[in-house]
Amino acid sequence: MKDSTIINIGKYTFLFFLILGNICLFGYMISKNDEFAAGGYFLIIFGIIINLLMILGLITYGLINKTQLKICMKASLIICINIPIAILYFYLGVYLMGF
């Protein structure tokens, strides 16, 4: 794979889950519809699984193809940016719901 393809995998995975998280958080904030909150919690559960699988796949590919390891690690780090954002959104959601 090209370097740009590997970086794009990281960027698109990051953006996909960031946008879904924003939809869930701001959807709940605007509408107070509990379905957005439930969707956000399911997103956290499934997002963790999918993001970890993506990171594991990138690192495995990088270990198999040693010349691509550095770029695979960069793409993995881009995906990891979602972790503090997800934690922040989780605590905001819990605070907004009054728990």
Protein backbone atom coordinates (compact mmCIF):
# COMPACT_ATOMS: atom_id res chain seq x y z
CA MET A 1 0.00 0.00 0.00
CA LYS A 2 1.05 3.57 -0.54
CA ASP A 3 1.87 5.81 2.41
CA SER A 4 -1.04 8.09 1.58
CA THR A 5 -3.47 5.16 1.58
CA ILE A 6 -2.36 4.08 5.05
CA ILE A 7 -2.62 7.63 6.43
CA ASN A 8 -6.06 7.99 4.81
CA ILE A 9 -7.23 4.84 6.61
CA GLY A 10 -6.29 6.48 9.91
CA LYS A 11 -7.81 9.84 9.00
CA TYR A 12 -11.09 8.42 7.73
CA THR A 13 -11.50 6.12 10.72
CA PHE A 14 -10.85 9.06 13.03
CA LEU A 15 -13.25 11.35 11.19
CA PHE A 16 -15.98 8.72 10.91
CA PHE A 17 -16.14 8.08 14.65
CA LEU A 18 -15.68 11.77 15.49
CA ILE A 19 -18.64 12.73 13.30
CA LEU A 20 -20.82 9.94 14.75
CA GLY A 21 -19.89 11.05 18.26
CA ASN A 22 -20.76 14.65 17.44
CA ILE A 23 -24.12 13.58 16.02
CA CYS A 24 -24.92 11.65 19.19
CA LEU A 25 -23.76 14.37 21.60
CA PHE A 26 -25.23 17.39 19.86
CA GLY A 27 -28.35 15.47 18.86
CA TYR A 28 -28.99 14.79 22.53
CA MET A 29 -28.11 18.34 23.57
CA ILE A 30 -30.49 19.86 21.05
CA SER A 31 -33.40 17.42 21.20
CA LYS A 32 -33.05 15.83 24.68
CA ASN A 33 -34.01 12.59 22.92
CA ASP A 34 -32.66 9.66 24.95
CA GLU A 35 -32.12 7.64 21.78
CA PHE A 36 -29.17 9.87 20.92
CA ALA A 37 -27.66 9.17 24.33
CA ALA A 38 -28.20 5.43 23.95
CA GLY A 39 -26.67 5.59 20.49
CA GLY A 40 -23.69 7.41 21.93
CA TYR A 41 -23.09 4.71 24.52
CA PHE A 42 -23.37 1.99 21.87
CA LEU A 43 -20.98 4.04 19.73
CA ILE A 44 -18.45 4.03 22.56
CA ILE A 45 -18.70 0.25 22.92
CA PHE A 46 -18.55 -0.57 19.22
CA GLY A 47 -16.13 2.27 18.50
CA ILE A 48 -13.62 0.85 20.96
CA ILE A 49 -13.82 -2.55 19.31
CA ILE A 50 -13.58 -1.27 15.73
CA ASN A 51 -10.82 1.25 16.49
CA LEU A 52 -8.76 -1.37 18.32
CA LEU A 53 -9.17 -3.77 15.41
CA MET A 54 -8.09 -1.04 12.98
CA ILE A 55 -5.04 -0.23 15.10
CA LEU A 56 -4.19 -3.92 15.47
CA GLY A 57 -4.51 -4.38 11.71
CA LEU A 58 -2.30 -1.39 10.96
CA ILE A 59 0.38 -2.46 13.42
CA THR A 60 0.28 -6.04 12.13
CA TYR A 61 0.65 -4.79 8.57
CA GLY A 62 3.54 -2.58 9.66
CA LEU A 63 5.28 -5.47 11.40
CA ILE A 64 4.87 -7.69 8.34
CA ASN A 65 6.01 -4.95 5.96
CA LYS A 66 8.84 -3.30 7.93
CA THR A 67 9.20 -0.42 5.47
CA GLN A 68 5.64 0.70 6.29
CA LEU A 69 5.89 0.41 10.10
CA LYS A 70 6.53 4.12 10.72
CA ILE A 71 3.58 5.25 8.59
CA CYS A 72 1.33 2.58 10.14
CA MET A 73 2.23 3.89 13.60
CA LYS A 74 1.34 7.43 12.49
CA ALA A 75 -2.04 6.25 11.21
CA SER A 76 -2.61 4.37 14.48
CA LEU A 77 -1.81 7.51 16.47
CA ILE A 78 -4.31 9.49 14.41
CA ILE A 79 -7.00 6.97 15.36
CA CYS A 80 -5.92 7.22 19.02
CA ILE A 81 -6.82 10.93 19.05
CA ASN A 82 -10.42 9.76 19.47
CA ILE A 83 -9.69 8.40 22.96
CA PRO A 84 -9.59 11.69 24.90
CA ILE A 85 -12.44 13.07 22.80
CA ALA A 86 -14.59 10.01 23.57
CA ILE A 87 -13.81 10.32 27.29
CA LEU A 88 -14.79 14.00 27.23
CA TYR A 89 -18.02 13.25 25.36
CA PHE A 90 -18.82 10.42 27.77
CA TYR A 91 -18.51 12.68 30.80
CA LEU A 92 -20.46 15.47 29.08
CA GLY A 93 -23.25 12.99 28.28
CA VAL A 94 -23.36 11.68 31.82
CA TYR A 95 -23.42 15.24 33.18
CA LEU A 96 -26.18 16.32 30.79
CA MET A 97 -28.32 13.31 31.63
CA GLY A 98 -27.99 14.09 35.33
CA PHE A 99 -26.26 10.96 36.58
